[in-house]
Protein backbone atom coordinates (compact mmCIF):
# COMPACT_ATOMS: atom_id res chain seq x y z
CA MET A 1 -7.77 -14.88 -2.46
CA SER A 2 -10.46 -16.70 -0.62
CA ALA A 3 -13.84 -17.14 -2.41
CA SER A 4 -15.69 -16.38 0.74
CA ILE A 5 -15.12 -12.71 1.47
CA ASN A 6 -16.63 -10.39 4.02
CA ARG A 7 -17.18 -6.75 3.18
CA LEU A 8 -16.54 -3.58 5.13
CA PRO A 9 -20.11 -2.37 5.79
CA ILE A 10 -19.29 0.94 7.48
CA THR A 11 -17.08 3.96 7.13
CA MET A 12 -13.83 3.72 9.17
CA LYS A 13 -11.66 6.68 10.28
CA THR A 14 -8.12 7.02 11.65
CA THR A 15 -5.21 9.42 11.60
CA PHE A 16 -1.82 8.45 10.33
CA GLN A 17 0.34 10.02 13.08
CA ASP A 18 3.39 8.87 11.14
CA VAL A 19 3.56 7.06 7.81
CA LEU A 20 6.59 5.97 5.78
CA LEU A 21 6.17 5.14 2.12
CA LEU A 22 9.20 3.13 0.89
CA THR A 23 8.72 2.42 -2.82
CA TYR A 24 10.52 -0.14 -4.99
CA ALA A 25 10.48 -0.41 -8.79
CA VAL A 26 9.86 -4.02 -10.02
CA PRO A 27 9.57 -5.69 -13.39
CA PRO A 28 5.90 -5.73 -14.47
CA PRO A 29 5.83 -9.45 -15.25
CA LEU A 30 7.00 -10.34 -11.71
CA LEU A 31 4.32 -8.19 -10.15
CA ALA A 32 1.65 -9.53 -12.53
CA GLU A 33 2.35 -12.97 -11.14
CA LEU A 34 1.16 -11.78 -7.71
CA LEU A 35 -2.05 -10.19 -8.91
CA PRO A 36 -5.43 -11.75 -9.56
CA ALA A 37 -7.31 -11.52 -12.85
CA TYR A 38 -8.79 -8.15 -13.68
CA ILE A 39 -6.24 -6.26 -11.58
CA HIS A 40 -3.18 -5.25 -13.59
CA PRO A 41 0.25 -3.78 -12.78
CA TYR A 42 0.43 -0.07 -13.45
CA ILE A 43 3.46 0.69 -15.59
CA HIS A 44 5.51 3.86 -15.77
CA ASN A 45 8.79 4.04 -17.66
CA HIS A 46 8.68 0.25 -18.16
CA MET A 47 8.55 -0.46 -14.41
CA SER A 48 5.85 -1.20 -11.84
CA TYR A 49 5.83 -0.11 -8.22
CA ILE A 50 5.34 -1.63 -4.75
CA SER A 51 5.42 0.44 -1.61
CA ILE A 52 6.17 -0.72 1.91
CA VAL A 53 3.78 1.44 4.00
CA VAL A 54 4.59 1.63 7.69
CA GLY A 55 1.98 3.52 9.66
CA ASN A 56 1.41 4.63 13.23
CA MET A 57 -2.36 4.64 13.37
CA ARG A 58 -4.18 6.77 15.91
CA GLY A 59 -7.87 6.36 16.75
CA MET A 60 -8.97 3.68 14.32
CA ARG A 61 -12.72 3.44 14.75
CA PRO A 62 -16.13 3.44 13.02
CA GLY A 63 -16.76 6.88 11.61
CA VAL A 64 -19.61 7.71 14.04
CA LEU A 65 -17.25 7.46 17.12
CA PRO A 66 -14.90 10.09 18.45
CA GLU A 67 -11.13 9.53 18.09
CA PHE A 68 -10.51 8.80 21.79
CA LEU A 69 -12.62 5.63 21.49
CA GLY A 70 -10.48 4.31 18.68
CA THR A 71 -7.49 1.96 18.74
CA ASN A 72 -3.85 3.01 18.36
CA TYR A 73 -1.49 0.54 16.68
CA TYR A 74 1.20 0.02 14.03
CA GLN A 75 0.64 -1.53 10.65
CA ILE A 76 2.89 -2.49 7.73
CA VAL A 77 1.33 -3.02 4.31
CA TYR A 78 2.94 -4.05 1.06
CA ARG A 79 0.82 -2.45 -1.61
CA ALA A 80 1.21 -2.49 -5.34
CA VAL A 81 0.24 0.36 -7.70
CA VAL A 82 -2.28 -1.22 -10.01
CA CYS A 83 -5.07 -0.40 -12.38
CA LEU A 84 -8.42 -1.70 -13.65
CA ARG A 85 -8.94 -1.63 -17.39
CA ASP A 86 -12.46 -1.40 -18.84
CA LEU A 87 -13.45 -2.99 -22.14
CA GLU A 88 -12.60 0.16 -24.03
CA GLY A 89 -9.04 0.20 -22.50
CA HIS A 90 -9.54 3.05 -20.09
CA GLU A 91 -7.55 2.70 -16.87
CA ARG A 92 -8.50 3.41 -13.26
CA ARG A 93 -5.48 3.49 -10.94
CA GLY A 94 -5.43 2.27 -7.35
CA VAL A 95 -3.65 -0.14 -5.02
CA PHE A 96 -3.74 -3.86 -4.29
CA PHE A 97 -2.58 -5.13 -0.90
CA LEU A 98 -0.01 -7.95 -1.30
CA ARG A 99 0.53 -8.38 2.42
CA SER A 100 -0.61 -6.77 5.76
CA ASP A 101 0.78 -7.14 9.29
CA SER A 102 -0.28 -5.44 12.52
CA ASN A 103 1.22 -5.24 15.99
CA ASP A 104 -2.26 -5.43 17.54
CA PRO A 105 -3.88 -8.90 17.70
CA VAL A 106 -7.31 -7.37 18.18
CA MET A 107 -7.05 -5.30 15.00
CA SER A 108 -5.76 -8.35 13.13
CA TYR A 109 -8.69 -10.41 14.35
CA PHE A 110 -11.34 -7.89 13.24
CA GLY A 111 -9.41 -6.94 10.06
CA ASN A 112 -9.39 -10.60 9.02
CA ARG A 113 -13.15 -10.73 9.29
CA LEU A 114 -14.34 -7.35 8.08
CA THR A 115 -12.51 -6.63 4.84
CA GLU A 116 -11.30 -8.39 1.74
CA PHE A 117 -8.20 -6.43 1.00
CA ARG A 118 -5.70 -9.10 2.20
CA PHE A 119 -6.76 -8.51 5.77
CA HIS A 120 -7.67 -12.19 5.91
CA TYR A 121 -3.90 -12.68 5.45
CA PHE A 122 -3.19 -10.32 8.33
CA HIS A 123 -0.37 -11.51 10.55
CA THR A 124 0.45 -10.08 13.95
CA GLY A 125 4.06 -9.16 14.72
CA ALA A 126 6.37 -6.62 16.34
CA ILE A 127 6.46 -3.28 14.62
CA ALA A 128 8.35 -0.18 15.90
CA LEU A 129 9.37 3.24 14.70
CA PHE A 130 12.15 5.13 16.47
CA GLN A 131 13.03 8.77 15.75
CA ARG A 132 15.89 10.95 16.96
CA HIS A 133 16.38 14.39 15.37
CA GLN A 134 16.35 13.69 11.61
CA GLU A 135 17.13 9.97 11.79
CA MET A 136 14.56 7.12 11.81
CA LEU A 137 14.79 3.41 12.51
CA VAL A 138 12.04 1.06 11.45
CA SER A 139 11.94 -2.47 12.90
CA VAL A 140 9.46 -5.13 11.85
CA GLU A 141 9.50 -8.81 12.86
CA THR A 142 6.65 -10.85 11.32
CA ALA A 143 5.28 -14.25 12.24
CA ASP A 144 6.47 -16.00 9.06
CA ARG A 145 9.57 -13.79 8.68
CA ARG A 146 8.68 -12.94 5.08
CA GLY A 147 7.66 -9.39 6.01
CA ASP A 148 10.70 -8.66 8.19
CA LEU A 149 12.13 -5.19 7.75
CA ILE A 150 14.95 -3.12 9.18
CA ALA A 151 15.38 0.36 7.70
CA TYR A 152 17.58 3.22 8.73
CA LEU A 153 16.68 6.57 7.15
CA ARG A 154 17.36 10.27 7.34
CA ASN A 155 14.73 13.03 6.83
CA ARG A 156 16.05 15.54 4.32
CA GLY A 157 13.12 17.88 4.56
CA PRO A 158 10.22 18.91 2.27
CA ALA A 159 10.23 16.90 -0.94
CA GLU A 160 9.20 19.86 -3.11
CA HIS A 161 12.56 21.53 -2.37
CA LEU A 162 14.54 18.45 -3.56
CA GLN A 163 15.01 16.39 -6.67
CA PRO A 164 12.28 13.87 -7.68
CA ALA A 165 12.91 10.17 -7.34
CA GLN A 166 14.71 8.34 -10.10
CA GLY A 167 12.41 7.68 -13.09
CA PHE A 168 10.15 10.72 -12.43
CA ALA A 169 10.40 14.10 -14.19
CA THR A 170 9.06 16.14 -11.28
CA VAL A 171 8.02 15.71 -7.63
CA ALA A 172 4.45 16.30 -8.77
CA GLU A 173 4.63 13.40 -11.16
CA GLU A 174 6.15 11.14 -8.46
CA LYS A 175 3.35 12.16 -6.03
CA ASN A 176 0.65 11.63 -8.61
CA ILE A 177 1.78 8.11 -9.53
CA LEU A 178 2.95 6.74 -6.13
CA VAL A 179 0.96 8.70 -3.53
CA GLN A 180 -2.30 10.07 -5.04
CA LEU A 181 -4.10 6.71 -5.02
CA PHE A 182 -7.69 6.77 -3.70
CA HIS A 183 -8.97 3.32 -4.54
CA ALA A 184 -8.04 -0.15 -3.27
CA TYR A 185 -9.16 -3.23 -5.26
CA ALA A 186 -9.74 -6.89 -4.52
CA TYR A 187 -11.08 -9.68 -6.79
CA ASP A 188 -13.90 -11.99 -5.65
CA PRO A 189 -14.09 -14.92 -8.15
CA LYS A 190 -17.10 -16.47 -6.44
CA HIS A 191 -19.28 -13.48 -7.10
CA ALA A 192 -17.45 -12.38 -10.29
CA VAL A 193 -16.80 -8.84 -9.05
CA VAL A 194 -13.92 -6.59 -8.14
CA TYR A 195 -14.43 -4.74 -4.88
CA ASP A 196 -13.54 -1.08 -4.87
CA LEU A 197 -12.74 0.61 -1.58
CA GLU A 198 -12.61 4.40 -1.92
CA ILE A 199 -10.37 6.45 0.36
CA GLU A 200 -10.63 10.04 1.52
CA ARG A 201 -7.77 11.69 3.31
CA GLY A 202 -6.16 14.92 4.24
CA ASP A 203 -3.36 16.61 2.37
CA TRP A 204 0.02 14.80 2.14
CA SER A 205 2.85 17.06 3.27
CA LEU A 206 5.68 15.02 1.76
CA GLN A 207 9.17 14.90 3.35
CA ARG A 208 11.99 13.20 1.48
CA LEU A 209 13.79 10.29 3.20
CA GLU A 210 17.28 9.14 2.41
CA MET A 211 17.74 5.38 2.76
CA LEU A 212 20.93 4.84 4.69
CA ASP A 213 20.59 1.05 5.11
CA VAL A 214 17.84 -1.49 4.65
CA PHE A 215 16.97 -5.19 4.87
CA SER A 216 13.61 -6.27 3.51
CA ALA A 217 12.83 -9.98 3.42
CA PHE A 218 10.03 -9.25 0.93
CA PHE A 219 12.39 -7.68 -1.60
CA GLN A 220 15.56 -9.67 -0.87
CA GLU A 221 14.30 -13.19 -0.11
CA HIS A 222 10.62 -13.67 -1.11
CA PRO A 223 8.78 -13.14 -3.34
CA PHE A 224 11.33 -11.02 -5.23
CA PRO A 225 14.86 -12.45 -5.67
CA ALA A 226 17.80 -10.16 -4.98
CA ASP A 227 18.36 -7.33 -7.51
CA THR A 228 14.90 -7.63 -9.14
CA ALA A 229 13.50 -4.81 -6.98
CA GLN A 230 15.18 -1.44 -6.78
CA PRO A 231 14.45 1.24 -4.08
CA VAL A 232 13.41 4.48 -5.84
CA SER A 233 11.24 6.72 -3.62
CA HIS A 234 11.18 7.19 0.18
CA ILE A 235 8.67 9.59 1.75
CA TYR A 236 7.52 10.53 5.21
CA ILE A 237 4.18 11.99 6.16
CA GLN A 238 2.75 13.14 9.51
CA GLU A 239 -0.76 13.80 10.88
CA CYS A 240 -2.90 12.77 7.95
CA SER A 241 -6.53 11.89 8.41
CA TYR A 242 -7.93 8.83 6.63
CA ILE A 243 -11.47 7.68 5.85
CA TRP A 244 -12.36 4.25 4.31
CA LYS A 245 -15.80 4.36 2.69
CA PRO A 246 -18.14 1.37 2.33
CA MET A 247 -17.09 -0.76 -0.63
CA VAL A 248 -18.76 -0.89 -4.02
CA THR A 249 -18.69 -3.75 -6.52
CA ILE A 250 -17.64 -3.69 -10.19
CA PRO A 251 -18.84 -6.60 -12.33
CA VAL A 252 -15.89 -8.29 -14.02
CA SER A 253 -17.97 -8.46 -17.20
CA THR A 254 -17.08 -4.74 -17.60
CA LEU A 255 -13.34 -5.31 -17.18
CA GLN A 256 -10.42 -6.74 -19.12
CA ALA A 257 -9.04 -9.88 -17.51
CA GLU A 258 -5.68 -10.36 -19.20
CA HIS A 259 -2.78 -8.28 -18.03
CA GLY A 260 -1.60 -7.54 -21.59
CA LEU A 261 1.75 -6.12 -20.51
CA ASP A 262 3.04 -5.48 -23.98
CA SER A 263 0.17 -3.01 -24.70
CA VAL A 264 0.22 -0.87 -21.62
CA ILE A 265 3.81 0.28 -21.24
CA ASP A 266 3.82 4.11 -21.35
């Protein structure tokens, strides 16, 4: 990440009108290669997790403004489930943004200048979500082609009435590990801190998606070679409010730097 990083100074609000959370299980060492010091892969059942998050954002604006003055746009984020580890070994889970793309050049411009969570890598591309009855088609064409995505899915209904994703004992465990994440982290080596962006949001009402067909350049071409990432959990959420709070800093002197993968497998 860049050593010169701008911080989000205000609270931002939006509503996820639609959001798809398409999660892949990946080998922890491969994910660790993509993470900076002090931010570690979170490991469950010997695997780590990356979600493709495709969102239809409504009314993105500073928190003091009403929704109708906000911006509507689509965004795709590749976000890893990670953790911070203090000197005593206690973990704090959250997410780290590996890549972000928007279909709105204005949002890309301001995102690149206001936040440190990979928004300075924000590309602008074509993103679309089509729905007919219970079927969905997601289409993403990115500037460098490395975030391209085509996914064809079917909504099978409320997740709590169906089996959990592979590798999870219950839907509640799946939700806790992959969805209930309220902190996003970024490392600033120049100032020797980790930035912590806290998130508040409304309740997730999870609907289970069945993946009928998919092409993801991220997981089939770069940075993960074919067969090293396996799709495990696909979820759809509607009408969820989101608030991003002003960031806080955590001195890296209070955190463990090395990933130490052999000692954190649960």
